């Protein structure tokens, strides 16, 4: 997926679509940890919540069902 940085004041912002936030278990105002490894930017939730494989599967199915069209466009 390719995203474009957007100018916000004197900075640039990376806008994360709602389906991505849902998959990460984040919401507006949530905190993320930024790591640079081998020239790659890695974004992870600052305080990840542990979920069971069954719960993760349910959440993934929900997001895929609810956001199918958006995810298809993001994949292009």
PDB file of N, CA and C in Angstrom:
ATOM      1  N   UNK A   1       0.849  -1.166   0.000  1.00  0.00           N
ATOM      2  CA  UNK A   1       0.000   0.000   0.000  1.00  0.00           C
ATOM      3  C   UNK A   1       0.897   1.232   0.000  1.00  0.00           C
ATOM      4  N   UNK A   2       0.593   2.158  -0.836  1.00  0.00           N
ATOM      5  CA  UNK A   2       1.350   3.408  -0.900  1.00  0.00           C
ATOM      6  C   UNK A   2       0.465   4.526  -0.355  1.00  0.00           C
ATOM      7  N   UNK A   3       1.018   5.308   0.563  1.00  0.00           N
ATOM      8  CA  UNK A   3       0.307   6.440   1.154  1.00  0.00           C
ATOM      9  C   UNK A   3       1.123   7.695   0.864  1.00  0.00           C
ATOM     10  N   UNK A   4       0.447   8.823   0.821  1.00  0.00           N
ATOM     11  CA  UNK A   4       1.107  10.102   0.578  1.00  0.00           C
ATOM     12  C   UNK A   4       1.162  10.899   1.878  1.00  0.00           C
ATOM     13  N   UNK A   5       2.323  11.491   2.161  1.00  0.00           N
ATOM     14  CA  UNK A   5       2.446  12.368   3.316  1.00  0.00           C
ATOM     15  C   UNK A   5       1.701  13.664   3.026  1.00  0.00           C
ATOM     16  N   UNK A   6       1.075  14.215   4.045  1.00  0.00           N
ATOM     17  CA  UNK A   6       0.322  15.464   3.887  1.00  0.00           C
ATOM     18  C   UNK A   6       0.894  16.533   4.810  1.00  0.00           C
ATOM     19  N   UNK A   7       0.977  17.734   4.291  1.00  0.00           N
ATOM     20  CA  UNK A   7       1.501  18.868   5.057  1.00  0.00           C
ATOM     21  C   UNK A   7       0.498  19.253   6.132  1.00  0.00           C
ATOM     22  N   UNK A   8       0.978  19.357   7.366  1.00  0.00           N
ATOM     23  CA  UNK A   8       0.165  19.793   8.497  1.00  0.00           C
ATOM     24  C   UNK A   8       1.036  20.775   9.283  1.00  0.00           C
ATOM     25  N   UNK A   9       0.755  22.060   9.135  1.00  0.00           N
ATOM     26  CA  UNK A   9       1.602  23.069   9.773  1.00  0.00           C
ATOM     27  C   UNK A   9       2.999  22.993   9.191  1.00  0.00           C
ATOM     28  N   UNK A  10       4.009  22.889  10.076  1.00  0.00           N
ATOM     29  CA  UNK A  10       5.399  22.780   9.628  1.00  0.00           C
ATOM     30  C   UNK A  10       5.862  21.331   9.535  1.00  0.00           C
ATOM     31  N   UNK A  11       4.942  20.392   9.647  1.00  0.00           N
ATOM     32  CA  UNK A  11       5.272  18.966   9.648  1.00  0.00           C
ATOM     33  C   UNK A  11       4.564  18.261   8.500  1.00  0.00           C
ATOM     34  N   UNK A  12       4.836  16.974   8.387  1.00  0.00           N
ATOM     35  CA  UNK A  12       4.128  16.113   7.452  1.00  0.00           C
ATOM     36  C   UNK A  12       3.434  15.033   8.254  1.00  0.00           C
ATOM     37  N   UNK A  13       2.260  14.615   7.792  1.00  0.00           N
ATOM     38  CA  UNK A  13       1.484  13.605   8.500  1.00  0.00           C
ATOM     39  C   UNK A  13       1.206  12.424   7.583  1.00  0.00           C
ATOM     40  N   UNK A  14       1.165  11.257   8.176  1.00  0.00           N
ATOM     41  CA  UNK A  14       0.763  10.045   7.488  1.00  0.00           C
ATOM     42  C   UNK A  14      -0.642   9.721   7.977  1.00  0.00           C
ATOM     43  N   UNK A  15      -1.619   9.782   7.087  1.00  0.00           N
ATOM     44  CA  UNK A  15      -3.010   9.547   7.456  1.00  0.00           C
ATOM     45  C   UNK A  15      -3.286   8.047   7.362  1.00  0.00           C
ATOM     46  N   UNK A  16      -3.757   7.463   8.468  1.00  0.00           N
ATOM     47  CA  UNK A  16      -4.087   6.037   8.493  1.00  0.00           C
ATOM     48  C   UNK A  16      -5.597   5.888   8.359  1.00  0.00           C
ATOM     49  N   UNK A  17      -6.017   5.099   7.398  1.00  0.00           N
ATOM     50  CA  UNK A  17      -7.435   4.875   7.157  1.00  0.00           C
ATOM     51  C   UNK A  17      -8.049   4.075   8.311  1.00  0.00           C
ATOM     52  N   UNK A  18      -9.335   4.269   8.506  1.00  0.00           N
ATOM     53  CA  UNK A  18     -10.038   3.622   9.612  1.00  0.00           C
ATOM     54  C   UNK A  18      -9.874   2.096   9.621  1.00  0.00           C
ATOM     55  N   UNK A  19      -9.936   1.417   8.467  1.00  0.00           N
ATOM     56  CA  UNK A  19      -9.743  -0.037   8.496  1.00  0.00           C
ATOM     57  C   UNK A  19      -8.377  -0.447   9.051  1.00  0.00           C
ATOM     58  N   UNK A  20      -7.353   0.342   8.750  1.00  0.00           N
ATOM     59  CA  UNK A  20      -6.018   0.045   9.277  1.00  0.00           C
ATOM     60  C   UNK A  20      -6.022   0.220  10.789  1.00  0.00           C
ATOM     61  N   UNK A  21      -6.616   1.309  11.265  1.00  0.00           N
ATOM     62  CA  UNK A  21      -6.702   1.545  12.713  1.00  0.00           C
ATOM     63  C   UNK A  21      -7.463   0.410  13.393  1.00  0.00           C
ATOM     64  N   UNK A  22      -8.548  -0.033  12.781  1.00  0.00           N
ATOM     65  CA  UNK A  22      -9.332  -1.119  13.365  1.00  0.00           C
ATOM     66  C   UNK A  22      -8.515  -2.401  13.465  1.00  0.00           C
ATOM     67  N   UNK A  23      -7.751  -2.702  12.422  1.00  0.00           N
ATOM     68  CA  UNK A  23      -6.921  -3.909  12.449  1.00  0.00           C
ATOM     69  C   UNK A  23      -5.854  -3.835  13.537  1.00  0.00           C
ATOM     70  N   UNK A  24      -5.359  -2.628  13.812  1.00  0.00           N
ATOM     71  CA  UNK A  24      -4.335  -2.447  14.843  1.00  0.00           C
ATOM     72  C   UNK A  24      -4.919  -2.272  16.236  1.00  0.00           C
ATOM     73  N   UNK A  25      -6.238  -2.146  16.314  1.00  0.00           N
ATOM     74  CA  UNK A  25      -6.858  -1.917  17.615  1.00  0.00           C
ATOM     75  C   UNK A  25      -6.631  -0.505  18.114  1.00  0.00           C
ATOM     76  N   UNK A  26      -6.503   0.440  17.184  1.00  0.00           N
ATOM     77  CA  UNK A  26      -6.273   1.840  17.534  1.00  0.00           C
ATOM     78  C   UNK A  26      -7.503   2.666  17.211  1.00  0.00           C
ATOM     79  N   UNK A  27      -7.596   3.811  17.844  1.00  0.00           N
ATOM     80  CA  UNK A  27      -8.641   4.772  17.516  1.00  0.00           C
ATOM     81  C   UNK A  27      -8.037   6.160  17.575  1.00  0.00           C
ATOM     82  N   UNK A  28      -8.808   7.160  17.182  1.00  0.00           N
ATOM     83  CA  UNK A  28      -8.315   8.536  17.163  1.00  0.00           C
ATOM     84  C   UNK A  28      -7.732   8.888  18.531  1.00  0.00           C
ATOM     85  N   UNK A  29      -6.553   9.474  18.522  1.00  0.00           N
ATOM     86  CA  UNK A  29      -5.885   9.851  19.763  1.00  0.00           C
ATOM     87  C   UNK A  29      -5.021   8.745  20.338  1.00  0.00           C
ATOM     88  N   UNK A  30      -5.069   7.554  19.729  1.00  0.00           N
ATOM     89  CA  UNK A  30      -4.239   6.440  20.202  1.00  0.00           C
ATOM     90  C   UNK A  30      -2.761   6.734  19.968  1.00  0.00           C
ATOM     91  N   UNK A  31      -1.923   6.099  20.759  1.00  0.00           N
ATOM     92  CA  UNK A  31      -0.480   6.310  20.638  1.00  0.00           C
ATOM     93  C   UNK A  31       0.172   5.147  19.908  1.00  0.00           C
ATOM     94  N   UNK A  32       1.175   5.479  19.089  1.00  0.00           N
ATOM     95  CA  UNK A  32       1.919   4.461  18.359  1.00  0.00           C
ATOM     96  C   UNK A  32       3.402   4.597  18.658  1.00  0.00           C
ATOM     97  N   UNK A  33       4.099   3.492  18.504  1.00  0.00           N
ATOM     98  CA  UNK A  33       5.553   3.451  18.653  1.00  0.00           C
ATOM     99  C   UNK A  33       6.141   3.446  17.255  1.00  0.00           C
ATOM    100  N   UNK A  34       7.061   4.371  16.965  1.00  0.00           N
ATOM    101  CA  UNK A  34       7.728   4.423  15.670  1.00  0.00           C
ATOM    102  C   UNK A  34       9.134   3.861  15.826  1.00  0.00           C
ATOM    103  N   UNK A  35       9.490   2.928  14.946  1.00  0.00           N
ATOM    104  CA  UNK A  35      10.807   2.311  14.964  1.00  0.00           C
ATOM    105  C   UNK A  35      11.361   2.342  13.548  1.00  0.00           C
ATOM    106  N   UNK A  36      12.633   2.625  13.424  1.00  0.00           N
ATOM    107  CA  UNK A  36      13.289   2.564  12.121  1.00  0.00           C
ATOM    108  C   UNK A  36      14.241   1.383  12.156  1.00  0.00           C
ATOM    109  N   UNK A  37      14.042   0.460  11.207  1.00  0.00           N
ATOM    110  CA  UNK A  37      14.862  -0.744  11.158  1.00  0.00           C
ATOM    111  C   UNK A  37      15.232  -1.019   9.709  1.00  0.00           C
ATOM    112  N   UNK A  38      16.505  -1.062   9.425  1.00  0.00           N
ATOM    113  CA  UNK A  38      17.002  -1.316   8.067  1.00  0.00           C
ATOM    114  C   UNK A  38      16.371  -0.383   7.041  1.00  0.00           C
ATOM    115  N   UNK A  39      16.204   0.892   7.401  1.00  0.00           N
ATOM    116  CA  UNK A  39      15.648   1.880   6.489  1.00  0.00           C
ATOM    117  C   UNK A  39      14.132   1.821   6.346  1.00  0.00           C
ATOM    118  N   UNK A  40      13.459   1.020   7.176  1.00  0.00           N
ATOM    119  CA  UNK A  40      11.998   0.909   7.138  1.00  0.00           C
ATOM    120  C   UNK A  40      11.395   1.528   8.380  1.00  0.00           C
ATOM    121  N   UNK A  41      10.278   2.205   8.200  1.00  0.00           N
ATOM    122  CA  UNK A  41       9.529   2.765   9.318  1.00  0.00           C
ATOM    123  C   UNK A  41       8.509   1.734   9.755  1.00  0.00           C
ATOM    124  N   UNK A  42       8.558   1.355  11.024  1.00  0.00           N
ATOM    125  CA  UNK A  42       7.621   0.379  11.580  1.00  0.00           C
ATOM    126  C   UNK A  42       6.741   1.104  12.589  1.00  0.00           C
ATOM    127  N   UNK A  43       5.424   1.002  12.391  1.00  0.00           N
ATOM    128  CA  UNK A  43       4.453   1.653  13.267  1.00  0.00           C
ATOM    129  C   UNK A  43       3.702   0.560  14.018  1.00  0.00           C
ATOM    130  N   UNK A  44       3.777   0.579  15.353  1.00  0.00           N
ATOM    131  CA  UNK A  44       3.082  -0.415  16.172  1.00  0.00           C
ATOM    132  C   UNK A  44       2.323   0.306  17.289  1.00  0.00           C
ATOM    133  N   UNK A  45       1.245  -0.288  17.766  1.00  0.00           N
ATOM    134  CA  UNK A  45       0.537   0.322  18.894  1.00  0.00           C
ATOM    135  C   UNK A  45       1.480   0.460  20.090  1.00  0.00           C
ATOM    136  N   UNK A  46       1.415   1.594  20.790  1.00  0.00           N
ATOM    137  CA  UNK A  46       2.299   1.828  21.939  1.00  0.00           C
ATOM    138  C   UNK A  46       1.957   0.894  23.091  1.00  0.00           C
ATOM    139  N   UNK A  47       0.698   0.590  23.248  1.00  0.00           N
ATOM    140  CA  UNK A  47       0.251  -0.303  24.322  1.00  0.00           C
ATOM    141  C   UNK A  47      -0.668  -1.365  23.731  1.00  0.00           C
ATOM    142  N   UNK A  48      -0.064  -2.338  23.032  1.00  0.00           N
ATOM    143  CA  UNK A  48      -0.907  -3.350  22.370  1.00  0.00           C
ATOM    144  C   UNK A  48      -1.710  -4.153  23.393  1.00  0.00           C
ATOM    145  N   UNK A  49      -2.925  -4.482  23.000  1.00  0.00           N
ATOM    146  CA  UNK A  49      -3.779  -5.301  23.856  1.00  0.00           C
ATOM    147  C   UNK A  49      -3.705  -6.739  23.357  1.00  0.00           C
ATOM    148  N   UNK A  50      -3.434  -7.652  24.271  1.00  0.00           N
ATOM    149  CA  UNK A  50      -3.370  -9.054  23.890  1.00  0.00           C
ATOM    150  C   UNK A  50      -4.785  -9.590  23.675  1.00  0.00           C
ATOM    151  N   UNK A  51      -4.967 -10.280  22.566  1.00  0.00           N
ATOM    152  CA  UNK A  51      -6.253 -10.903  22.267  1.00  0.00           C
ATOM    153  C   UNK A  51      -6.008 -12.352  21.882  1.00  0.00           C
ATOM    154  N   UNK A  52      -7.005 -13.177  22.090  1.00  0.00           N
ATOM    155  CA  UNK A  52      -6.888 -14.594  21.737  1.00  0.00           C
ATOM    156  C   UNK A  52      -6.935 -14.730  20.219  1.00  0.00           C
ATOM    157  N   UNK A  53      -6.422 -15.840  19.687  1.00  0.00           N
ATOM    158  CA  UNK A  53      -6.512 -16.061  18.238  1.00  0.00           C
ATOM    159  C   UNK A  53      -7.958 -16.044  17.742  1.00  0.00           C
ATOM    160  N   UNK A  54      -8.888 -16.545  18.559  1.00  0.00           N
ATOM    161  CA  UNK A  54     -10.296 -16.551  18.162  1.00  0.00           C
ATOM    162  C   UNK A  54     -10.836 -15.127  18.060  1.00  0.00           C
ATOM    163  N   UNK A  55     -10.503 -14.286  19.044  1.00  0.00           N
ATOM    164  CA  UNK A  55     -10.966 -12.898  19.033  1.00  0.00           C
ATOM    165  C   UNK A  55     -10.355 -12.143  17.859  1.00  0.00           C
ATOM    166  N   UNK A  56      -9.079 -12.390  17.594  1.00  0.00           N
ATOM    167  CA  UNK A  56      -8.410 -11.740  16.464  1.00  0.00           C
ATOM    168  C   UNK A  56      -9.081 -12.137  15.153  1.00  0.00           C
ATOM    169  N   UNK A  57      -9.402 -13.408  15.024  1.00  0.00           N
ATOM    170  CA  UNK A  57     -10.066 -13.888  13.823  1.00  0.00           C
ATOM    171  C   UNK A  57     -11.429 -13.222  13.657  1.00  0.00           C
ATOM    172  N   UNK A  58     -12.185 -13.105  14.755  1.00  0.00           N
ATOM    173  CA  UNK A  58     -13.493 -12.444  14.706  1.00  0.00           C
ATOM    174  C   UNK A  58     -13.358 -10.988  14.289  1.00  0.00           C
ATOM    175  N   UNK A  59     -12.380 -10.288  14.883  1.00  0.00           N
ATOM    176  CA  UNK A  59     -12.181  -8.872  14.551  1.00  0.00           C
ATOM    177  C   UNK A  59     -11.752  -8.702  13.102  1.00  0.00           C
ATOM    178  N   UNK A  60     -10.871  -9.581  12.637  1.00  0.00           N
ATOM    179  CA  UNK A  60     -10.409  -9.511  11.254  1.00  0.00           C
ATOM    180  C   UNK A  60     -11.571  -9.742  10.291  1.00  0.00           C
ATOM    181  N   UNK A  61     -12.397 -10.733  10.564  1.00  0.00           N
ATOM    182  CA  UNK A  61     -13.560 -10.995   9.713  1.00  0.00           C
ATOM    183  C   UNK A  61     -14.508  -9.796   9.701  1.00  0.00           C
ATOM    184  N   UNK A  62     -14.712  -9.179  10.864  1.00  0.00           N
ATOM    185  CA  UNK A  62     -15.576  -8.007  10.964  1.00  0.00           C
ATOM    186  C   UNK A  62     -15.047  -6.869  10.088  1.00  0.00           C
ATOM    187  N   UNK A  63     -13.751  -6.584  10.223  1.00  0.00           N
ATOM    188  CA  UNK A  63     -13.150  -5.494   9.447  1.00  0.00           C
ATOM    189  C   UNK A  63     -13.210  -5.805   7.957  1.00  0.00           C
ATOM    190  N   UNK A  64     -12.896  -7.045   7.592  1.00  0.00           N
ATOM    191  CA  UNK A  64     -12.934  -7.412   6.179  1.00  0.00           C
ATOM    192  C   UNK A  64     -14.343  -7.281   5.608  1.00  0.00           C
ATOM    193  N   UNK A  65     -15.335  -7.689   6.379  1.00  0.00           N
ATOM    194  CA  UNK A  65     -16.718  -7.607   5.926  1.00  0.00           C
ATOM    195  C   UNK A  65     -17.177  -6.145   5.829  1.00  0.00           C
ATOM    196  N   UNK A  66     -16.890  -5.369   6.875  1.00  0.00           N
ATOM    197  CA  UNK A  66     -17.369  -3.985   6.943  1.00  0.00           C
ATOM    198  C   UNK A  66     -16.619  -3.058   5.987  1.00  0.00           C
ATOM    199  N   UNK A  67     -15.344  -3.315   5.776  1.00  0.00           N
ATOM    200  CA  UNK A  67     -14.491  -2.402   5.001  1.00  0.00           C
ATOM    201  C   UNK A  67     -13.977  -3.010   3.705  1.00  0.00           C
ATOM    202  N   UNK A  68     -14.688  -3.985   3.182  1.00  0.00           N
ATOM    203  CA  UNK A  68     -14.252  -4.711   1.993  1.00  0.00           C
ATOM    204  C   UNK A  68     -13.891  -3.781   0.836  1.00  0.00           C
ATOM    205  N   UNK A  69     -14.754  -2.831   0.529  1.00  0.00           N
ATOM    206  CA  UNK A  69     -14.515  -1.944  -0.613  1.00  0.00           C
ATOM    207  C   UNK A  69     -13.298  -1.044  -0.396  1.00  0.00           C
ATOM    208  N   UNK A  70     -13.165  -0.507   0.810  1.00  0.00           N
ATOM    209  CA  UNK A  70     -12.029   0.368   1.110  1.00  0.00           C
ATOM    210  C   UNK A  70     -10.732  -0.421   1.034  1.00  0.00           C
ATOM    211  N   UNK A  71     -10.693  -1.605   1.596  1.00  0.00           N
ATOM    212  CA  UNK A  71      -9.490  -2.424   1.568  1.00  0.00           C
ATOM    213  C   UNK A  71      -9.108  -2.801   0.144  1.00  0.00           C
ATOM    214  N   UNK A  72     -10.102  -3.058  -0.689  1.00  0.00           N
ATOM    215  CA  UNK A  72      -9.826  -3.384  -2.093  1.00  0.00           C
ATOM    216  C   UNK A  72      -9.160  -2.188  -2.772  1.00  0.00           C
ATOM    217  N   UNK A  73      -9.669  -0.961  -2.514  1.00  0.00           N
ATOM    218  CA  UNK A  73      -9.063   0.236  -3.110  1.00  0.00           C
ATOM    219  C   UNK A  73      -7.664   0.484  -2.573  1.00  0.00           C
ATOM    220  N   UNK A  74      -7.448   0.235  -1.269  1.00  0.00           N
ATOM    221  CA  UNK A  74      -6.125   0.439  -0.684  1.00  0.00           C
ATOM    222  C   UNK A  74      -5.097  -0.531  -1.264  1.00  0.00           C
ATOM    223  N   UNK A  75      -5.547  -1.718  -1.640  1.00  0.00           N
ATOM    224  CA  UNK A  75      -4.639  -2.729  -2.160  1.00  0.00           C
ATOM    225  C   UNK A  75      -4.137  -2.397  -3.578  1.00  0.00           C
ATOM    226  N   UNK A  76      -4.826  -1.491  -4.259  1.00  0.00           N
ATOM    227  CA  UNK A  76      -4.422  -1.151  -5.645  1.00  0.00           C
ATOM    228  C   UNK A  76      -3.221  -0.264  -5.672  1.00  0.00           C
TER     229      UNK A  76
END
